[in-house]
Amino acid sequence: MTEEEEGAERARSALAAARDLLKQLVTIDAALLTFGIGFLQNISKGKGPTDWLLSAVAAILASIFFGVVALYAVVEQTHSSGGNINNGWLRFNSAASWAAFVWATISIGVFVVLAPINV
């Protein structure tokens, strides 16, 4: 195998890994959103700081949006002749999706820590 073929194979492998990682992230985000909607009635009765919940929901929605756009960028790069993982839009959307996911996780954690315990 030539060096050029090895480079193309590495690029395909990197794009496949990015695609799988982004699909998992979007799935986790959707599960968190579904879980939150399922327990919305219980959460709304709580006396916790709702600003953190609103922040988490906004971050989850942003993470899903940027994750889906990043998946489209992966598909575009996969089907282009010189596609690689270092495409600007792919990197930006992937990083934005991860940053929003981290912010959602922090927001949920802060809400849980600050919410009073009803015994």
PDB file of N, CA and C in Angstrom:
ATOM      1  N   MET A   1       0.849  -1.178   0.000  1.00  0.00           N
ATOM      2  CA  MET A   1       0.000   0.000   0.000  1.00  0.00           C
ATOM      3  C   MET A   1       0.894   1.240   0.000  1.00  0.00           C
ATOM      4  N   THR A   2       0.591   2.177  -0.859  1.00  0.00           N
ATOM      5  CA  THR A   2       1.404   3.383  -0.947  1.00  0.00           C
ATOM      6  C   THR A   2       1.075   4.331   0.198  1.00  0.00           C
ATOM      7  N   GLU A   3       1.936   5.312   0.351  1.00  0.00           N
ATOM      8  CA  GLU A   3       1.739   6.293   1.424  1.00  0.00           C
ATOM      9  C   GLU A   3       0.453   7.087   1.213  1.00  0.00           C
ATOM     10  N   GLU A   4       0.143   7.381  -0.035  1.00  0.00           N
ATOM     11  CA  GLU A   4      -1.088   8.117  -0.347  1.00  0.00           C
ATOM     12  C   GLU A   4      -2.329   7.291  -0.010  1.00  0.00           C
ATOM     13  N   GLU A   5      -2.292   6.007  -0.322  1.00  0.00           N
ATOM     14  CA  GLU A   5      -3.414   5.126   0.006  1.00  0.00           C
ATOM     15  C   GLU A   5      -3.570   4.981   1.514  1.00  0.00           C
ATOM     16  N   GLU A   6      -2.445   4.900   2.237  1.00  0.00           N
ATOM     17  CA  GLU A   6      -2.509   4.816   3.688  1.00  0.00           C
ATOM     18  C   GLU A   6      -3.112   6.089   4.284  1.00  0.00           C
ATOM     19  N   GLY A   7      -2.741   7.230   3.730  1.00  0.00           N
ATOM     20  CA  GLY A   7      -3.310   8.497   4.199  1.00  0.00           C
ATOM     21  C   GLY A   7      -4.808   8.570   3.954  1.00  0.00           C
ATOM     22  N   ALA A   8      -5.245   8.099   2.790  1.00  0.00           N
ATOM     23  CA  ALA A   8      -6.679   8.095   2.479  1.00  0.00           C
ATOM     24  C   ALA A   8      -7.425   7.143   3.405  1.00  0.00           C
ATOM     25  N   GLU A   9      -6.817   6.008   3.722  1.00  0.00           N
ATOM     26  CA  GLU A   9      -7.451   5.044   4.635  1.00  0.00           C
ATOM     27  C   GLU A   9      -7.551   5.620   6.048  1.00  0.00           C
ATOM     28  N   ARG A  10      -6.504   6.328   6.494  1.00  0.00           N
ATOM     29  CA  ARG A  10      -6.552   6.973   7.816  1.00  0.00           C
ATOM     30  C   ARG A  10      -7.654   8.024   7.858  1.00  0.00           C
ATOM     31  N   ALA A  11      -7.790   8.778   6.767  1.00  0.00           N
ATOM     32  CA  ALA A  11      -8.836   9.803   6.704  1.00  0.00           C
ATOM     33  C   ALA A  11     -10.216   9.161   6.771  1.00  0.00           C
ATOM     34  N   ARG A  12     -10.422   8.070   6.045  1.00  0.00           N
ATOM     35  CA  ARG A  12     -11.715   7.375   6.099  1.00  0.00           C
ATOM     36  C   ARG A  12     -11.992   6.831   7.500  1.00  0.00           C
ATOM     37  N   SER A  13     -10.967   6.290   8.145  1.00  0.00           N
ATOM     38  CA  SER A  13     -11.136   5.765   9.499  1.00  0.00           C
ATOM     39  C   SER A  13     -11.457   6.886  10.487  1.00  0.00           C
ATOM     40  N   ALA A  14     -10.792   8.021  10.342  1.00  0.00           N
ATOM     41  CA  ALA A  14     -11.047   9.159  11.231  1.00  0.00           C
ATOM     42  C   ALA A  14     -12.466   9.681  11.040  1.00  0.00           C
ATOM     43  N   LEU A  15     -12.915   9.763   9.802  1.00  0.00           N
ATOM     44  CA  LEU A  15     -14.280  10.219   9.543  1.00  0.00           C
ATOM     45  C   LEU A  15     -15.308   9.234  10.089  1.00  0.00           C
ATOM     46  N   ALA A  16     -15.029   7.936   9.978  1.00  0.00           N
ATOM     47  CA  ALA A  16     -15.948   6.927  10.523  1.00  0.00           C
ATOM     48  C   ALA A  16     -16.012   7.040  12.047  1.00  0.00           C
ATOM     49  N   ALA A  17     -14.870   7.259  12.680  1.00  0.00           N
ATOM     50  CA  ALA A  17     -14.851   7.413  14.139  1.00  0.00           C
ATOM     51  C   ALA A  17     -15.605   8.673  14.560  1.00  0.00           C
ATOM     52  N   ALA A  18     -15.399   9.765  13.838  1.00  0.00           N
ATOM     53  CA  ALA A  18     -16.112  11.013  14.146  1.00  0.00           C
ATOM     54  C   ALA A  18     -17.608  10.827  13.976  1.00  0.00           C
ATOM     55  N   ARG A  19     -17.998  10.142  12.911  1.00  0.00           N
ATOM     56  CA  ARG A  19     -19.418   9.888  12.669  1.00  0.00           C
ATOM     57  C   ARG A  19     -20.027   9.089  13.816  1.00  0.00           C
ATOM     58  N   ASP A  20     -19.351   8.032  14.238  1.00  0.00           N
ATOM     59  CA  ASP A  20     -19.874   7.206  15.328  1.00  0.00           C
ATOM     60  C   ASP A  20     -19.959   7.988  16.631  1.00  0.00           C
ATOM     61  N   LEU A  21     -18.940   8.776  16.917  1.00  0.00           N
ATOM     62  CA  LEU A  21     -18.927   9.575  18.143  1.00  0.00           C
ATOM     63  C   LEU A  21     -20.042  10.609  18.145  1.00  0.00           C
ATOM     64  N   LEU A  22     -20.245  11.274  17.009  1.00  0.00           N
ATOM     65  CA  LEU A  22     -21.310  12.265  16.925  1.00  0.00           C
ATOM     66  C   LEU A  22     -22.691  11.628  17.021  1.00  0.00           C
ATOM     67  N   LYS A  23     -22.861  10.462  16.421  1.00  0.00           N
ATOM     68  CA  LYS A  23     -24.156   9.767  16.531  1.00  0.00           C
ATOM     69  C   LYS A  23     -24.441   9.422  17.988  1.00  0.00           C
ATOM     70  N   GLN A  24     -23.428   8.980  18.722  1.00  0.00           N
ATOM     71  CA  GLN A  24     -23.623   8.651  20.132  1.00  0.00           C
ATOM     72  C   GLN A  24     -23.959   9.890  20.943  1.00  0.00           C
ATOM     73  N   LEU A  25     -23.285  11.000  20.647  1.00  0.00           N
ATOM     74  CA  LEU A  25     -23.557  12.239  21.362  1.00  0.00           C
ATOM     75  C   LEU A  25     -24.983  12.718  21.119  1.00  0.00           C
ATOM     76  N   VAL A  26     -25.428  12.696  19.880  1.00  0.00           N
ATOM     77  CA  VAL A  26     -26.799  13.116  19.561  1.00  0.00           C
ATOM     78  C   VAL A  26     -27.803  12.181  20.234  1.00  0.00           C
ATOM     79  N   THR A  27     -27.504  10.895  20.289  1.00  0.00           N
ATOM     80  CA  THR A  27     -28.392   9.932  20.948  1.00  0.00           C
ATOM     81  C   THR A  27     -28.487  10.221  22.443  1.00  0.00           C
ATOM     82  N   ILE A  28     -27.362  10.504  23.075  1.00  0.00           N
ATOM     83  CA  ILE A  28     -27.368  10.828  24.511  1.00  0.00           C
ATOM     84  C   ILE A  28     -28.150  12.111  24.754  1.00  0.00           C
ATOM     85  N   ASP A  29     -27.935  13.118  23.906  1.00  0.00           N
ATOM     86  CA  ASP A  29     -28.683  14.372  24.043  1.00  0.00           C
ATOM     87  C   ASP A  29     -30.187  14.144  23.918  1.00  0.00           C
ATOM     88  N   ALA A  30     -30.578  13.357  22.936  1.00  0.00           N
ATOM     89  CA  ALA A  30     -32.004  13.069  22.751  1.00  0.00           C
ATOM     90  C   ALA A  30     -32.563  12.311  23.952  1.00  0.00           C
ATOM     91  N   ALA A  31     -31.786  11.395  24.498  1.00  0.00           N
ATOM     92  CA  ALA A  31     -32.232  10.650  25.685  1.00  0.00           C
ATOM     93  C   ALA A  31     -32.388  11.583  26.888  1.00  0.00           C
ATOM     94  N   LEU A  32     -31.443  12.491  27.074  1.00  0.00           N
ATOM     95  CA  LEU A  32     -31.559  13.456  28.173  1.00  0.00           C
ATOM     96  C   LEU A  32     -32.789  14.329  28.011  1.00  0.00           C
ATOM     97  N   LEU A  33     -33.035  14.773  26.797  1.00  0.00           N
ATOM     98  CA  LEU A  33     -34.211  15.598  26.539  1.00  0.00           C
ATOM     99  C   LEU A  33     -35.494  14.814  26.789  1.00  0.00           C
ATOM    100  N   THR A  34     -35.547  13.586  26.334  1.00  0.00           N
ATOM    101  CA  THR A  34     -36.713  12.735  26.555  1.00  0.00           C
ATOM    102  C   THR A  34     -36.909  12.460  28.040  1.00  0.00           C
ATOM    103  N   PHE A  35     -35.835  12.174  28.741  1.00  0.00           N
ATOM    104  CA  PHE A  35     -35.905  11.939  30.184  1.00  0.00           C
ATOM    105  C   PHE A  35     -36.432  13.180  30.903  1.00  0.00           C
ATOM    106  N   GLY A  36     -35.921  14.345  30.510  1.00  0.00           N
ATOM    107  CA  GLY A  36     -36.381  15.591  31.128  1.00  0.00           C
ATOM    108  C   GLY A  36     -37.844  15.862  30.868  1.00  0.00           C
ATOM    109  N   ILE A  37     -38.298  15.607  29.647  1.00  0.00           N
ATOM    110  CA  ILE A  37     -39.710  15.810  29.325  1.00  0.00           C
ATOM    111  C   ILE A  37     -40.574  14.816  30.092  1.00  0.00           C
ATOM    112  N   GLY A  38     -40.085  13.584  30.230  1.00  0.00           N
ATOM    113  CA  GLY A  38     -40.838  12.556  30.951  1.00  0.00           C
ATOM    114  C   GLY A  38     -41.046  12.893  32.415  1.00  0.00           C
ATOM    115  N   PHE A  39     -40.067  13.560  33.003  1.00  0.00           N
ATOM    116  CA  PHE A  39     -40.165  13.907  34.416  1.00  0.00           C
ATOM    117  C   PHE A  39     -40.468  15.383  34.632  1.00  0.00           C
ATOM    118  N   LEU A  40     -40.962  16.052  33.602  1.00  0.00           N
ATOM    119  CA  LEU A  40     -41.232  17.479  33.684  1.00  0.00           C
ATOM    120  C   LEU A  40     -42.218  17.817  34.792  1.00  0.00           C
ATOM    121  N   GLN A  41     -43.230  16.989  34.963  1.00  0.00           N
ATOM    122  CA  GLN A  41     -44.224  17.260  35.994  1.00  0.00           C
ATOM    123  C   GLN A  41     -43.585  17.228  37.386  1.00  0.00           C
ATOM    124  N   ASN A  42     -42.719  16.250  37.640  1.00  0.00           N
ATOM    125  CA  ASN A  42     -42.047  16.177  38.939  1.00  0.00           C
ATOM    126  C   ASN A  42     -41.046  17.303  39.121  1.00  0.00           C
ATOM    127  N   ILE A  43     -40.344  17.653  38.051  1.00  0.00           N
ATOM    128  CA  ILE A  43     -39.351  18.715  38.133  1.00  0.00           C
ATOM    129  C   ILE A  43     -40.025  20.060  38.372  1.00  0.00           C
ATOM    130  N   SER A  44     -41.162  20.297  37.736  1.00  0.00           N
ATOM    131  CA  SER A  44     -41.836  21.580  37.874  1.00  0.00           C
ATOM    132  C   SER A  44     -42.384  21.794  39.285  1.00  0.00           C
ATOM    133  N   LYS A  45     -42.633  20.720  40.031  1.00  0.00           N
ATOM    134  CA  LYS A  45     -43.105  20.844  41.410  1.00  0.00           C
ATOM    135  C   LYS A  45     -41.969  21.156  42.373  1.00  0.00           C
ATOM    136  N   GLY A  46     -40.739  20.912  41.941  1.00  0.00           N
ATOM    137  CA  GLY A  46     -39.574  21.155  42.793  1.00  0.00           C
ATOM    138  C   GLY A  46     -39.339  22.640  43.000  1.00  0.00           C
ATOM    139  N   LYS A  47     -38.514  22.925  43.983  1.00  0.00           N
ATOM    140  CA  LYS A  47     -38.213  24.310  44.300  1.00  0.00           C
ATOM    141  C   LYS A  47     -36.760  24.643  43.974  1.00  0.00           C
ATOM    142  N   GLY A  48     -36.226  23.932  43.009  1.00  0.00           N
ATOM    143  CA  GLY A  48     -34.840  24.163  42.596  1.00  0.00           C
ATOM    144  C   GLY A  48     -34.726  25.381  41.692  1.00  0.00           C
ATOM    145  N   PRO A  49     -33.502  25.793  41.420  1.00  0.00           N
ATOM    146  CA  PRO A  49     -33.273  26.964  40.548  1.00  0.00           C
ATOM    147  C   PRO A  49     -33.562  26.628  39.080  1.00  0.00           C
ATOM    148  N   THR A  50     -34.723  27.047  38.607  1.00  0.00           N
ATOM    149  CA  THR A  50     -35.158  26.665  37.265  1.00  0.00           C
ATOM    150  C   THR A  50     -34.302  27.281  36.159  1.00  0.00           C
ATOM    151  N   ASP A  51     -33.578  28.347  36.450  1.00  0.00           N
ATOM    152  CA  ASP A  51     -32.707  28.937  35.430  1.00  0.00           C
ATOM    153  C   ASP A  51     -31.677  27.923  34.945  1.00  0.00           C
ATOM    154  N   TRP A  52     -31.202  27.080  35.848  1.00  0.00           N
ATOM    155  CA  TRP A  52     -30.219  26.067  35.459  1.00  0.00           C
ATOM    156  C   TRP A  52     -30.852  25.015  34.563  1.00  0.00           C
ATOM    157  N   LEU A  53     -32.114  24.688  34.817  1.00  0.00           N
ATOM    158  CA  LEU A  53     -32.803  23.735  33.944  1.00  0.00           C
ATOM    159  C   LEU A  53     -33.030  24.311  32.556  1.00  0.00           C
ATOM    160  N   LEU A  54     -33.434  25.563  32.496  1.00  0.00           N
ATOM    161  CA  LEU A  54     -33.627  26.204  31.197  1.00  0.00           C
ATOM    162  C   LEU A  54     -32.307  26.270  30.429  1.00  0.00           C
ATOM    163  N   SER A  55     -31.243  26.546  31.150  1.00  0.00           N
ATOM    164  CA  SER A  55     -29.919  26.568  30.528  1.00  0.00           C
ATOM    165  C   SER A  55     -29.548  25.187  29.990  1.00  0.00           C
ATOM    166  N   ALA A  56     -29.861  24.142  30.759  1.00  0.00           N
ATOM    167  CA  ALA A  56     -29.555  22.773  30.331  1.00  0.00           C
ATOM    168  C   ALA A  56     -30.361  22.391  29.091  1.00  0.00           C
ATOM    169  N   VAL A  57     -31.640  22.748  29.066  1.00  0.00           N
ATOM    170  CA  VAL A  57     -32.480  22.415  27.909  1.00  0.00           C
ATOM    171  C   VAL A  57     -31.980  23.144  26.664  1.00  0.00           C
ATOM    172  N   ALA A  58     -31.654  24.416  26.809  1.00  0.00           N
ATOM    173  CA  ALA A  58     -31.126  25.171  25.671  1.00  0.00           C
ATOM    174  C   ALA A  58     -29.812  24.559  25.180  1.00  0.00           C
ATOM    175  N   ALA A  59     -28.956  24.162  26.112  1.00  0.00           N
ATOM    176  CA  ALA A  59     -27.670  23.566  25.734  1.00  0.00           C
ATOM    177  C   ALA A  59     -27.866  22.209  25.055  1.00  0.00           C
ATOM    178  N   ILE A  60     -28.814  21.415  25.532  1.00  0.00           N
ATOM    179  CA  ILE A  60     -29.081  20.117  24.914  1.00  0.00           C
ATOM    180  C   ILE A  60     -29.600  20.317  23.481  1.00  0.00           C
ATOM    181  N   LEU A  61     -30.515  21.257  23.310  1.00  0.00           N
ATOM    182  CA  LEU A  61     -31.026  21.535  21.963  1.00  0.00           C
ATOM    183  C   LEU A  61     -29.913  22.035  21.045  1.00  0.00           C
ATOM    184  N   ALA A  62     -29.042  22.892  21.574  1.00  0.00           N
ATOM    185  CA  ALA A  62     -27.912  23.373  20.775  1.00  0.00           C
ATOM    186  C   ALA A  62     -26.967  22.231  20.427  1.00  0.00           C
ATOM    187  N   SER A  63     -26.730  21.343  21.376  1.00  0.00           N
ATOM    188  CA  SER A  63     -25.846  20.206  21.123  1.00  0.00           C
ATOM    189  C   SER A  63     -26.421  19.290  20.049  1.00  0.00           C
ATOM    190  N   ILE A  64     -27.718  19.060  20.100  1.00  0.00           N
ATOM    191  CA  ILE A  64     -28.365  18.243  19.062  1.00  0.00           C
ATOM    192  C   ILE A  64     -28.242  18.926  17.706  1.00  0.00           C
ATOM    193  N   PHE A  65     -28.521  20.225  17.658  1.00  0.00           N
ATOM    194  CA  PHE A  65     -28.442  20.955  16.394  1.00  0.00           C
ATOM    195  C   PHE A  65     -27.035  20.886  15.798  1.00  0.00           C
ATOM    196  N   PHE A  66     -26.035  21.268  16.593  1.00  0.00           N
ATOM    197  CA  PHE A  66     -24.662  21.268  16.082  1.00  0.00           C
ATOM    198  C   PHE A  66     -24.180  19.848  15.770  1.00  0.00           C
ATOM    199  N   GLY A  67     -24.648  18.855  16.530  1.00  0.00           N
ATOM    200  CA  GLY A  67     -24.280  17.471  16.257  1.00  0.00           C
ATOM    201  C   GLY A  67     -24.826  16.991  14.926  1.00  0.00           C
ATOM    202  N   VAL A  68     -26.062  17.341  14.629  1.00  0.00           N
ATOM    203  CA  VAL A  68     -26.663  16.938  13.351  1.00  0.00           C
ATOM    204  C   VAL A  68     -25.960  17.645  12.189  1.00  0.00           C
ATOM    205  N   VAL A  69     -25.664  18.927  12.354  1.00  0.00           N
ATOM    206  CA  VAL A  69     -24.947  19.652  11.305  1.00  0.00           C
ATOM    207  C   VAL A  69     -23.553  19.051  11.107  1.00  0.00           C
ATOM    208  N   ALA A  70     -22.901  18.665  12.200  1.00  0.00           N
ATOM    209  CA  ALA A  70     -21.586  18.023  12.096  1.00  0.00           C
ATOM    210  C   ALA A  70     -21.696  16.676  11.384  1.00  0.00           C
ATOM    211  N   LEU A  71     -22.770  15.942  11.645  1.00  0.00           N
ATOM    212  CA  LEU A  71     -22.962  14.676  10.928  1.00  0.00           C
ATOM    213  C   LEU A  71     -23.120  14.904   9.429  1.00  0.00           C
ATOM    214  N   TYR A  72     -23.827  15.948   9.057  1.00  0.00           N
ATOM    215  CA  TYR A  72     -23.934  16.281   7.632  1.00  0.00           C
ATOM    216  C   TYR A  72     -22.561  16.624   7.054  1.00  0.00           C
ATOM    217  N   ALA A  73     -21.740  17.330   7.844  1.00  0.00           N
ATOM    218  CA  ALA A  73     -20.390  17.664   7.383  1.00  0.00           C
ATOM    219  C   ALA A  73     -19.540  16.402   7.228  1.00  0.00           C
ATOM    220  N   VAL A  74     -19.720  15.425   8.130  1.00  0.00           N
ATOM    221  CA  VAL A  74     -18.996  14.156   8.006  1.00  0.00           C
ATOM    222  C   VAL A  74     -19.403  13.448   6.717  1.00  0.00           C
ATOM    223  N   VAL A  75     -20.691  13.434   6.440  1.00  0.00           N
ATOM    224  CA  VAL A  75     -21.164  12.790   5.208  1.00  0.00           C
ATOM    225  C   VAL A  75     -20.575  13.497   3.991  1.00  0.00           C
ATOM    226  N   GLU A  76     -20.578  14.819   4.023  1.00  0.00           N
ATOM    227  CA  GLU A  76     -20.014  15.587   2.909  1.00  0.00           C
ATOM    228  C   GLU A  76     -18.533  15.260   2.723  1.00  0.00           C
ATOM    229  N   GLN A  77     -17.790  15.223   3.816  1.00  0.00           N
ATOM    230  CA  GLN A  77     -16.360  14.931   3.722  1.00  0.00           C
ATOM    231  C   GLN A  77     -16.101  13.489   3.302  1.00  0.00           C
ATOM    232  N   THR A  78     -16.964  12.580   3.735  1.00  0.00           N
ATOM    233  CA  THR A  78     -16.802  11.170   3.369  1.00  0.00           C
ATOM    234  C   THR A  78     -16.973  10.978   1.872  1.00  0.00           C
ATOM    235  N   HIS A  79     -17.878  11.720   1.273  1.00  0.00           N
ATOM    236  CA  HIS A  79     -18.166  11.540  -0.148  1.00  0.00           C
ATOM    237  C   HIS A  79     -17.354  12.454  -1.061  1.00  0.00           C
ATOM    238  N   SER A  80     -16.512  13.307  -0.484  1.00  0.00           N
ATOM    239  CA  SER A  80     -15.654  14.128  -1.337  1.00  0.00           C
ATOM    240  C   SER A  80     -14.326  13.405  -1.555  1.00  0.00           C
ATOM    241  N   SER A  81     -13.669  13.715  -2.631  1.00  0.00           N
ATOM    242  CA  SER A  81     -12.442  12.986  -2.985  1.00  0.00           C
ATOM    243  C   SER A  81     -11.309  13.274  -2.003  1.00  0.00           C
ATOM    244  N   GLY A  82     -11.226  14.481  -1.486  1.00  0.00           N
ATOM    245  CA  GLY A  82     -10.143  14.812  -0.548  1.00  0.00           C
ATOM    246  C   GLY A  82     -10.659  15.055   0.853  1.00  0.00           C
ATOM    247  N   GLY A  83     -11.719  14.363   1.243  1.00  0.00           N
ATOM    248  CA  GLY A  83     -12.333  14.598   2.540  1.00  0.00           C
ATOM    249  C   GLY A  83     -11.417  14.229   3.693  1.00  0.00           C
ATOM    250  N   ASN A  84     -11.452  15.062   4.726  1.00  0.00           N
ATOM    251  CA  ASN A  84     -10.674  14.755   5.920  1.00  0.00           C
ATOM    252  C   ASN A  84     -11.363  15.294   7.163  1.00  0.00           C
ATOM    253  N   ILE A  85     -10.837  14.916   8.290  1.00  0.00           N
ATOM    254  CA  ILE A  85     -11.430  15.258   9.585  1.00  0.00           C
ATOM    255  C   ILE A  85     -11.173  16.723   9.961  1.00  0.00           C
ATOM    256  N   ASN A  86     -10.240  17.378   9.279  1.00  0.00           N
ATOM    257  CA  ASN A  86      -9.845  18.735   9.634  1.00  0.00           C
ATOM    258  C   ASN A  86     -10.623  19.811   8.902  1.00  0.00           C
ATOM    259  N   ASN A  87     -11.739  19.460   8.283  1.00  0.00           N
ATOM    260  CA  ASN A  87     -12.592  20.441   7.625  1.00  0.00           C
ATOM    261  C   ASN A  87     -13.087  21.444   8.660  1.00  0.00           C
ATOM    262  N   GLY A  88     -13.087  22.715   8.301  1.00  0.00           N
ATOM    263  CA  GLY A  88     -13.444  23.774   9.252  1.00  0.00           C
ATOM    264  C   GLY A  88     -14.836  23.652   9.841  1.00  0.00           C
ATOM    265  N   TRP A  89     -15.848  23.424   8.979  1.00  0.00           N
ATOM    266  CA  TRP A  89     -17.226  23.330   9.476  1.00  0.00           C
ATOM    267  C   TRP A  89     -17.423  22.090  10.324  1.00  0.00           C
ATOM    268  N   LEU A  90     -16.783  21.011   9.937  1.00  0.00           N
ATOM    269  CA  LEU A  90     -16.892  19.781  10.723  1.00  0.00           C
ATOM    270  C   LEU A  90     -16.304  19.987  12.109  1.00  0.00           C
ATOM    271  N   ARG A  91     -15.130  20.564  12.169  1.00  0.00           N
ATOM    272  CA  ARG A  91     -14.487  20.794  13.474  1.00  0.00           C
ATOM    273  C   ARG A  91     -15.283  21.776  14.319  1.00  0.00           C
ATOM    274  N   PHE A  92     -15.764  22.866  13.704  1.00  0.00           N
ATOM    275  CA  PHE A  92     -16.519  23.868  14.453  1.00  0.00           C
ATOM    276  C   PHE A  92     -17.799  23.268  15.035  1.00  0.00           C
ATOM    277  N   ASN A  93     -18.584  22.605  14.193  1.00  0.00           N
ATOM    278  CA  ASN A  93     -19.854  22.048  14.660  1.00  0.00           C
ATOM    279  C   ASN A  93     -19.656  20.935  15.671  1.00  0.00           C
ATOM    280  N   SER A  94     -18.640  20.127  15.477  1.00  0.00           N
ATOM    281  CA  SER A  94     -18.349  19.071  16.436  1.00  0.00           C
ATOM    282  C   SER A  94     -17.950  19.662  17.789  1.00  0.00           C
ATOM    283  N   ALA A  95     -17.077  20.664  17.762  1.00  0.00           N
ATOM    284  CA  ALA A  95     -16.651  21.308  19.010  1.00  0.00           C
ATOM    285  C   ALA A  95     -17.819  22.024  19.687  1.00  0.00           C
ATOM    286  N   ALA A  96     -18.665  22.685  18.895  1.00  0.00           N
ATOM    287  CA  ALA A  96     -19.825  23.375  19.470  1.00  0.00           C
ATOM    288  C   ALA A  96     -20.789  22.378  20.101  1.00  0.00           C
ATOM    289  N   SER A  97     -20.984  21.229  19.466  1.00  0.00           N
ATOM    290  CA  SER A  97     -21.859  20.204  20.022  1.00  0.00           C
ATOM    291  C   SER A  97     -21.313  19.691  21.349  1.00  0.00           C
ATOM    292  N   TRP A  98     -20.028  19.420  21.383  1.00  0.00           N
ATOM    293  CA  TRP A  98     -19.418  18.941  22.633  1.00  0.00           C
ATOM    294  C   TRP A  98     -19.465  20.005  23.728  1.00  0.00           C
ATOM    295  N   ALA A  99     -19.187  21.257  23.374  1.00  0.00           N
ATOM    296  CA  ALA A  99     -19.223  22.329  24.371  1.00  0.00           C
ATOM    297  C   ALA A  99     -20.631  22.494  24.943  1.00  0.00           C
ATOM    298  N   ALA A 100     -21.637  22.426  24.096  1.00  0.00           N
ATOM    299  CA  ALA A 100     -23.021  22.539  24.568  1.00  0.00           C
ATOM    300  C   ALA A 100     -23.379  21.346  25.456  1.00  0.00           C
ATOM    301  N   PHE A 101     -22.911  20.163  25.103  1.00  0.00           N
ATOM    302  CA  PHE A 101     -23.171  18.975  25.920  1.00  0.00           C
ATOM    303  C   PHE A 101     -22.534  19.125  27.302  1.00  0.00           C
ATOM    304  N   VAL A 102     -21.303  19.605  27.331  1.00  0.00           N
ATOM    305  CA  VAL A 102     -20.625  19.804  28.620  1.00  0.00           C
ATOM    306  C   VAL A 102     -21.371  20.841  29.450  1.00  0.00           C
ATOM    307  N   TRP A 103     -21.817  21.932  28.812  1.00  0.00           N
ATOM    308  CA  TRP A 103     -22.563  22.953  29.551  1.00  0.00           C
ATOM    309  C   TRP A 103     -23.885  22.384  30.076  1.00  0.00           C
ATOM    310  N   ALA A 104     -24.563  21.571  29.293  1.00  0.00           N
ATOM    311  CA  ALA A 104     -25.810  20.952  29.751  1.00  0.00           C
ATOM    312  C   ALA A 104     -25.546  20.056  30.949  1.00  0.00           C
ATOM    313  N   THR A 105     -24.481  19.298  30.907  1.00  0.00           N
ATOM    314  CA  THR A 105     -24.131  18.411  32.019  1.00  0.00           C
ATOM    315  C   THR A 105     -23.844  19.218  33.276  1.00  0.00           C
ATOM    316  N   ILE A 106     -23.097  20.301  33.141  1.00  0.00           N
ATOM    317  CA  ILE A 106     -22.797  21.163  34.295  1.00  0.00           C
ATOM    318  C   ILE A 106     -24.077  21.784  34.828  1.00  0.00           C
ATOM    319  N   SER A 107     -24.949  22.255  33.949  1.00  0.00           N
ATOM    320  CA  SER A 107     -26.207  22.880  34.379  1.00  0.00           C
ATOM    321  C   SER A 107     -27.091  21.894  35.132  1.00  0.00           C
ATOM    322  N   ILE A 108     -27.183  20.678  34.635  1.00  0.00           N
ATOM    323  CA  ILE A 108     -27.980  19.663  35.326  1.00  0.00           C
ATOM    324  C   ILE A 108     -27.366  19.349  36.681  1.00  0.00           C
ATOM    325  N   GLY A 109     -26.055  19.237  36.733  1.00  0.00           N
ATOM    326  CA  GLY A 109     -25.376  18.973  38.001  1.00  0.00           C
ATOM    327  C   GLY A 109     -25.604  20.076  39.023  1.00  0.00           C
ATOM    328  N   VAL A 110     -25.513  21.328  38.588  1.00  0.00           N
ATOM    329  CA  VAL A 110     -25.743  22.457  39.500  1.00  0.00           C
ATOM    330  C   VAL A 110     -27.189  22.456  39.982  1.00  0.00           C
ATOM    331  N   PHE A 111     -28.134  22.187  39.079  1.00  0.00           N
ATOM    332  CA  PHE A 111     -29.535  22.128  39.491  1.00  0.00           C
ATOM    333  C   PHE A 111     -29.749  21.057  40.555  1.00  0.00           C
ATOM    334  N   VAL A 112     -29.179  19.876  40.328  1.00  0.00           N
ATOM    335  CA  VAL A 112     -29.350  18.789  41.279  1.00  0.00           C
ATOM    336  C   VAL A 112     -28.731  19.126  42.635  1.00  0.00           C
ATOM    337  N   VAL A 113     -27.569  19.745  42.633  1.00  0.00           N
ATOM    338  CA  VAL A 113     -26.893  20.081  43.876  1.00  0.00           C
ATOM    339  C   VAL A 113     -27.657  21.179  44.625  1.00  0.00           C
ATOM    340  N   LEU A 114     -28.185  22.164  43.919  1.00  0.00           N
ATOM    341  CA  LEU A 114     -28.854  23.289  44.564  1.00  0.00           C
ATOM    342  C   LEU A 114     -30.323  23.040  44.885  1.00  0.00           C
ATOM    343  N   ALA A 115     -30.920  22.021  44.299  1.00  0.00           N
ATOM    344  CA  ALA A 115     -32.350  21.746  44.549  1.00  0.00           C
ATOM    345  C   ALA A 115     -32.512  21.224  45.976  1.00  0.00           C
ATOM    346  N   PRO A 116     -33.487  21.740  46.703  1.00  0.00           N
ATOM    347  CA  PRO A 116     -33.718  21.227  48.065  1.00  0.00           C
ATOM    348  C   PRO A 116     -34.271  19.812  48.022  1.00  0.00           C
ATOM    349  N   ILE A 117     -33.926  19.059  49.026  1.00  0.00           N
ATOM    350  CA  ILE A 117     -34.386  17.670  49.114  1.00  0.00           C
ATOM    351  C   ILE A 117     -35.732  17.654  49.826  1.00  0.00           C
ATOM    352  N   ASN A 118     -36.749  17.089  49.167  1.00  0.00           N
ATOM    353  CA  ASN A 118     -38.081  16.973  49.756  1.00  0.00           C
ATOM    354  C   ASN A 118     -38.187  15.615  50.430  1.00  0.00           C
ATOM    355  N   VAL A 119     -38.234  15.611  51.735  1.00  0.00           N
ATOM    356  CA  VAL A 119     -38.314  14.350  52.470  1.00  0.00           C
ATOM    357  C   VAL A 119     -39.702  14.159  53.009  1.00  0.00           C
TER     358      VAL A 119
END
